[in-house]
Amino acid sequence: MIPRDPMILLSYINTKLRDDYDSLDALCEDRELDRSALEETLRDIGYTYSPEQNRFV
């Protein structure tokens, strides 16, 4: 289960990307997450995924 609050979700996802996954695709596949929905939720609070940094910035 992932956090519903967008700011907590941002922290959770970035921590998972930093500690456990080498890409957003790998995280979404492993956790069975809808990448588009996740990106939209975080885009709504001003963050986009940076593949170069492997985090939302």
PDB file of N, CA and C in Angstrom:
ATOM      1  N   MET A   1       0.841  -1.174   0.000  1.00  0.00           N
ATOM      2  CA  MET A   1       0.000   0.000   0.000  1.00  0.00           C
ATOM      3  C   MET A   1       0.895   1.250   0.000  1.00  0.00           C
ATOM      4  N   ILE A   2       0.533   2.218  -0.829  1.00  0.00           N
ATOM      5  CA  ILE A   2       1.313   3.444  -0.898  1.00  0.00           C
ATOM      6  C   ILE A   2       0.511   4.587  -0.282  1.00  0.00           C
ATOM      7  N   PRO A   3       1.200   5.616   0.200  1.00  0.00           N
ATOM      8  CA  PRO A   3       0.501   6.758   0.809  1.00  0.00           C
ATOM      9  C   PRO A   3      -0.423   7.459  -0.184  1.00  0.00           C
ATOM     10  N   ARG A   4      -1.519   7.993   0.311  1.00  0.00           N
ATOM     11  CA  ARG A   4      -2.470   8.720  -0.535  1.00  0.00           C
ATOM     12  C   ARG A   4      -2.172  10.217  -0.582  1.00  0.00           C
ATOM     13  N   ASP A   5      -1.649  10.756   0.508  1.00  0.00           N
ATOM     14  CA  ASP A   5      -1.308  12.182   0.544  1.00  0.00           C
ATOM     15  C   ASP A   5      -0.173  12.428  -0.441  1.00  0.00           C
ATOM     16  N   PRO A   6      -0.338  13.368  -1.379  1.00  0.00           N
ATOM     17  CA  PRO A   6       0.665  13.575  -2.433  1.00  0.00           C
ATOM     18  C   PRO A   6       2.068  13.906  -1.918  1.00  0.00           C
ATOM     19  N   MET A   7       2.184  14.706  -0.872  1.00  0.00           N
ATOM     20  CA  MET A   7       3.507  15.059  -0.362  1.00  0.00           C
ATOM     21  C   MET A   7       4.183  13.864   0.319  1.00  0.00           C
ATOM     22  N   ILE A   8       3.418  13.077   1.026  1.00  0.00           N
ATOM     23  CA  ILE A   8       3.966  11.871   1.643  1.00  0.00           C
ATOM     24  C   ILE A   8       4.300  10.847   0.558  1.00  0.00           C
ATOM     25  N   LEU A   9       3.448  10.778  -0.455  1.00  0.00           N
ATOM     26  CA  LEU A   9       3.704   9.891  -1.594  1.00  0.00           C
ATOM     27  C   LEU A   9       5.017  10.258  -2.274  1.00  0.00           C
ATOM     28  N   LEU A  10       5.253  11.540  -2.475  1.00  0.00           N
ATOM     29  CA  LEU A  10       6.499  12.015  -3.085  1.00  0.00           C
ATOM     30  C   LEU A  10       7.702  11.520  -2.290  1.00  0.00           C
ATOM     31  N   SER A  11       7.675  11.705  -0.997  1.00  0.00           N
ATOM     32  CA  SER A  11       8.770  11.268  -0.147  1.00  0.00           C
ATOM     33  C   SER A  11       8.949   9.757  -0.206  1.00  0.00           C
ATOM     34  N   TYR A  12       7.858   9.041  -0.142  1.00  0.00           N
ATOM     35  CA  TYR A  12       7.885   7.574  -0.191  1.00  0.00           C
ATOM     36  C   TYR A  12       8.488   7.077  -1.505  1.00  0.00           C
ATOM     37  N   ILE A  13       8.002   7.605  -2.619  1.00  0.00           N
ATOM     38  CA  ILE A  13       8.474   7.161  -3.939  1.00  0.00           C
ATOM     39  C   ILE A  13       9.951   7.502  -4.124  1.00  0.00           C
ATOM     40  N   ASN A  14      10.350   8.723  -3.770  1.00  0.00           N
ATOM     41  CA  ASN A  14      11.755   9.094  -3.933  1.00  0.00           C
ATOM     42  C   ASN A  14      12.670   8.248  -3.051  1.00  0.00           C
ATOM     43  N   THR A  15      12.214   7.903  -1.863  1.00  0.00           N
ATOM     44  CA  THR A  15      13.003   7.035  -0.994  1.00  0.00           C
ATOM     45  C   THR A  15      13.143   5.647  -1.607  1.00  0.00           C
ATOM     46  N   LYS A  16      12.048   5.100  -2.119  1.00  0.00           N
ATOM     47  CA  LYS A  16      12.103   3.779  -2.761  1.00  0.00           C
ATOM     48  C   LYS A  16      13.018   3.812  -3.979  1.00  0.00           C
ATOM     49  N   LEU A  17      12.932   4.868  -4.778  1.00  0.00           N
ATOM     50  CA  LEU A  17      13.794   4.984  -5.956  1.00  0.00           C
ATOM     51  C   LEU A  17      15.261   5.066  -5.542  1.00  0.00           C
ATOM     52  N   ARG A  18      15.546   5.816  -4.509  1.00  0.00           N
ATOM     53  CA  ARG A  18      16.923   5.961  -4.043  1.00  0.00           C
ATOM     54  C   ARG A  18      17.467   4.650  -3.469  1.00  0.00           C
ATOM     55  N   ASP A  19      16.652   3.978  -2.670  1.00  0.00           N
ATOM     56  CA  ASP A  19      17.149   2.823  -1.913  1.00  0.00           C
ATOM     57  C   ASP A  19      16.979   1.470  -2.602  1.00  0.00           C
ATOM     58  N   ASP A  20      15.927   1.326  -3.428  1.00  0.00           N
ATOM     59  CA  ASP A  20      15.563  -0.018  -3.877  1.00  0.00           C
ATOM     60  C   ASP A  20      15.435  -0.227  -5.385  1.00  0.00           C
ATOM     61  N   TYR A  21      15.276   0.833  -6.168  1.00  0.00           N
ATOM     62  CA  TYR A  21      14.969   0.659  -7.589  1.00  0.00           C
ATOM     63  C   TYR A  21      15.860   1.542  -8.451  1.00  0.00           C
ATOM     64  N   ASP A  22      16.228   1.021  -9.617  1.00  0.00           N
ATOM     65  CA  ASP A  22      17.070   1.799 -10.527  1.00  0.00           C
ATOM     66  C   ASP A  22      16.265   2.590 -11.555  1.00  0.00           C
ATOM     67  N   SER A  23      14.928   2.465 -11.516  1.00  0.00           N
ATOM     68  CA  SER A  23      14.089   3.251 -12.424  1.00  0.00           C
ATOM     69  C   SER A  23      12.647   3.271 -11.921  1.00  0.00           C
ATOM     70  N   LEU A  24      11.903   4.230 -12.412  1.00  0.00           N
ATOM     71  CA  LEU A  24      10.481   4.319 -12.069  1.00  0.00           C
ATOM     72  C   LEU A  24       9.732   3.125 -12.643  1.00  0.00           C
ATOM     73  N   ASP A  25      10.109   2.682 -13.827  1.00  0.00           N
ATOM     74  CA  ASP A  25       9.465   1.508 -14.416  1.00  0.00           C
ATOM     75  C   ASP A  25       9.627   0.277 -13.523  1.00  0.00           C
ATOM     76  N   ALA A  26      10.824   0.081 -12.995  1.00  0.00           N
ATOM     77  CA  ALA A  26      11.081  -1.073 -12.129  1.00  0.00           C
ATOM     78  C   ALA A  26      10.233  -0.997 -10.861  1.00  0.00           C
ATOM     79  N   LEU A  27      10.148   0.180 -10.273  1.00  0.00           N
ATOM     80  CA  LEU A  27       9.329   0.364  -9.072  1.00  0.00           C
ATOM     81  C   LEU A  27       7.865   0.065  -9.371  1.00  0.00           C
ATOM     82  N   CYS A  28       7.352   0.657 -10.439  1.00  0.00           N
ATOM     83  CA  CYS A  28       5.935   0.475 -10.786  1.00  0.00           C
ATOM     84  C   CYS A  28       5.620  -0.982 -11.101  1.00  0.00           C
ATOM     85  N   GLU A  29       6.514  -1.642 -11.800  1.00  0.00           N
ATOM     86  CA  GLU A  29       6.287  -3.046 -12.133  1.00  0.00           C
ATOM     87  C   GLU A  29       6.278  -3.911 -10.871  1.00  0.00           C
ATOM     88  N   ASP A  30       7.262  -3.694 -10.018  1.00  0.00           N
ATOM     89  CA  ASP A  30       7.372  -4.507  -8.809  1.00  0.00           C
ATOM     90  C   ASP A  30       6.212  -4.265  -7.835  1.00  0.00           C
ATOM     91  N   ARG A  31       5.794  -3.019  -7.709  1.00  0.00           N
ATOM     92  CA  ARG A  31       4.724  -2.658  -6.776  1.00  0.00           C
ATOM     93  C   ARG A  31       3.333  -2.665  -7.416  1.00  0.00           C
ATOM     94  N   GLU A  32       3.290  -3.040  -8.700  1.00  0.00           N
ATOM     95  CA  GLU A  32       2.030  -3.069  -9.462  1.00  0.00           C
ATOM     96  C   GLU A  32       1.297  -1.732  -9.390  1.00  0.00           C
ATOM     97  N   LEU A  33       2.043  -0.667  -9.703  1.00  0.00           N
ATOM     98  CA  LEU A  33       1.498   0.687  -9.701  1.00  0.00           C
ATOM     99  C   LEU A  33       1.259   1.159 -11.127  1.00  0.00           C
ATOM    100  N   ASP A  34       0.265   1.990 -11.300  1.00  0.00           N
ATOM    101  CA  ASP A  34      -0.024   2.618 -12.583  1.00  0.00           C
ATOM    102  C   ASP A  34       0.899   3.831 -12.714  1.00  0.00           C
ATOM    103  N   ARG A  35       1.916   3.709 -13.556  1.00  0.00           N
ATOM    104  CA  ARG A  35       2.905   4.782 -13.688  1.00  0.00           C
ATOM    105  C   ARG A  35       2.257   6.104 -14.089  1.00  0.00           C
ATOM    106  N   SER A  36       1.341   6.074 -15.034  1.00  0.00           N
ATOM    107  CA  SER A  36       0.702   7.309 -15.499  1.00  0.00           C
ATOM    108  C   SER A  36      -0.050   8.000 -14.366  1.00  0.00           C
ATOM    109  N   ALA A  37      -0.785   7.237 -13.583  1.00  0.00           N
ATOM    110  CA  ALA A  37      -1.548   7.806 -12.463  1.00  0.00           C
ATOM    111  C   ALA A  37      -0.603   8.378 -11.410  1.00  0.00           C
ATOM    112  N   LEU A  38       0.478   7.671 -11.146  1.00  0.00           N
ATOM    113  CA  LEU A  38       1.462   8.141 -10.174  1.00  0.00           C
ATOM    114  C   LEU A  38       2.086   9.451 -10.636  1.00  0.00           C
ATOM    115  N   GLU A  39       2.514   9.478 -11.899  1.00  0.00           N
ATOM    116  CA  GLU A  39       3.121  10.702 -12.430  1.00  0.00           C
ATOM    117  C   GLU A  39       2.132  11.861 -12.436  1.00  0.00           C
ATOM    118  N   GLU A  40       0.881  11.588 -12.744  1.00  0.00           N
ATOM    119  CA  GLU A  40      -0.131  12.646 -12.749  1.00  0.00           C
ATOM    120  C   GLU A  40      -0.347  13.207 -11.350  1.00  0.00           C
ATOM    121  N   THR A  41      -0.417  12.325 -10.367  1.00  0.00           N
ATOM    122  CA  THR A  41      -0.605  12.769  -8.986  1.00  0.00           C
ATOM    123  C   THR A  41       0.534  13.682  -8.550  1.00  0.00           C
ATOM    124  N   LEU A  42       1.759  13.289  -8.868  1.00  0.00           N
ATOM    125  CA  LEU A  42       2.905  14.093  -8.458  1.00  0.00           C
ATOM    126  C   LEU A  42       3.081  15.332  -9.331  1.00  0.00           C
ATOM    127  N   ARG A  43       2.661  15.266 -10.574  1.00  0.00           N
ATOM    128  CA  ARG A  43       2.693  16.445 -11.447  1.00  0.00           C
ATOM    129  C   ARG A  43       1.737  17.518 -10.910  1.00  0.00           C
ATOM    130  N   ASP A  44       0.619  17.083 -10.346  1.00  0.00           N
ATOM    131  CA  ASP A  44      -0.357  18.020  -9.790  1.00  0.00           C
ATOM    132  C   ASP A  44       0.212  18.856  -8.649  1.00  0.00           C
ATOM    133  N   ILE A  45       1.253  18.363  -7.986  1.00  0.00           N
ATOM    134  CA  ILE A  45       1.884  19.146  -6.922  1.00  0.00           C
ATOM    135  C   ILE A  45       3.237  19.715  -7.367  1.00  0.00           C
ATOM    136  N   GLY A  46       3.486  19.658  -8.671  1.00  0.00           N
ATOM    137  CA  GLY A  46       4.648  20.343  -9.238  1.00  0.00           C
ATOM    138  C   GLY A  46       5.906  19.511  -9.417  1.00  0.00           C
ATOM    139  N   TYR A  47       5.796  18.187  -9.407  1.00  0.00           N
ATOM    140  CA  TYR A  47       6.970  17.330  -9.538  1.00  0.00           C
ATOM    141  C   TYR A  47       6.874  16.452 -10.774  1.00  0.00           C
ATOM    142  N   THR A  48       8.008  16.273 -11.427  1.00  0.00           N
ATOM    143  CA  THR A  48       8.092  15.373 -12.578  1.00  0.00           C
ATOM    144  C   THR A  48       9.270  14.424 -12.369  1.00  0.00           C
ATOM    145  N   TYR A  49       9.186  13.273 -13.005  1.00  0.00           N
ATOM    146  CA  TYR A  49      10.238  12.272 -12.870  1.00  0.00           C
ATOM    147  C   TYR A  49      11.434  12.636 -13.730  1.00  0.00           C
ATOM    148  N   SER A  50      12.602  12.589 -13.130  1.00  0.00           N
ATOM    149  CA  SER A  50      13.864  12.803 -13.838  1.00  0.00           C
ATOM    150  C   SER A  50      14.591  11.469 -13.933  1.00  0.00           C
ATOM    151  N   PRO A  51      14.638  10.854 -15.129  1.00  0.00           N
ATOM    152  CA  PRO A  51      15.347   9.572 -15.265  1.00  0.00           C
ATOM    153  C   PRO A  51      16.841   9.688 -14.949  1.00  0.00           C
ATOM    154  N   GLU A  52      17.423  10.827 -15.255  1.00  0.00           N
ATOM    155  CA  GLU A  52      18.839  11.029 -14.989  1.00  0.00           C
ATOM    156  C   GLU A  52      19.148  10.995 -13.491  1.00  0.00           C
ATOM    157  N   GLN A  53      18.237  11.547 -12.700  1.00  0.00           N
ATOM    158  CA  GLN A  53      18.425  11.584 -11.247  1.00  0.00           C
ATOM    159  C   GLN A  53      17.694  10.436 -10.550  1.00  0.00           C
ATOM    160  N   ASN A  54      16.851   9.740 -11.297  1.00  0.00           N
ATOM    161  CA  ASN A  54      16.024   8.653 -10.775  1.00  0.00           C
ATOM    162  C   ASN A  54      15.234   9.105  -9.545  1.00  0.00           C
ATOM    163  N   ARG A  55      14.564  10.258  -9.713  1.00  0.00           N
ATOM    164  CA  ARG A  55      13.712  10.769  -8.647  1.00  0.00           C
ATOM    165  C   ARG A  55      12.786  11.840  -9.202  1.00  0.00           C
ATOM    166  N   PHE A  56      11.787  12.159  -8.421  1.00  0.00           N
ATOM    167  CA  PHE A  56      10.889  13.241  -8.795  1.00  0.00           C
ATOM    168  C   PHE A  56      11.477  14.541  -8.279  1.00  0.00           C
ATOM    169  N   VAL A  57      11.544  15.519  -9.170  1.00  0.00           N
ATOM    170  CA  VAL A  57      12.115  16.829  -8.824  1.00  0.00           C
ATOM    171  C   VAL A  57      11.141  17.925  -9.178  1.00  0.00           C
TER     172      VAL A  57
END
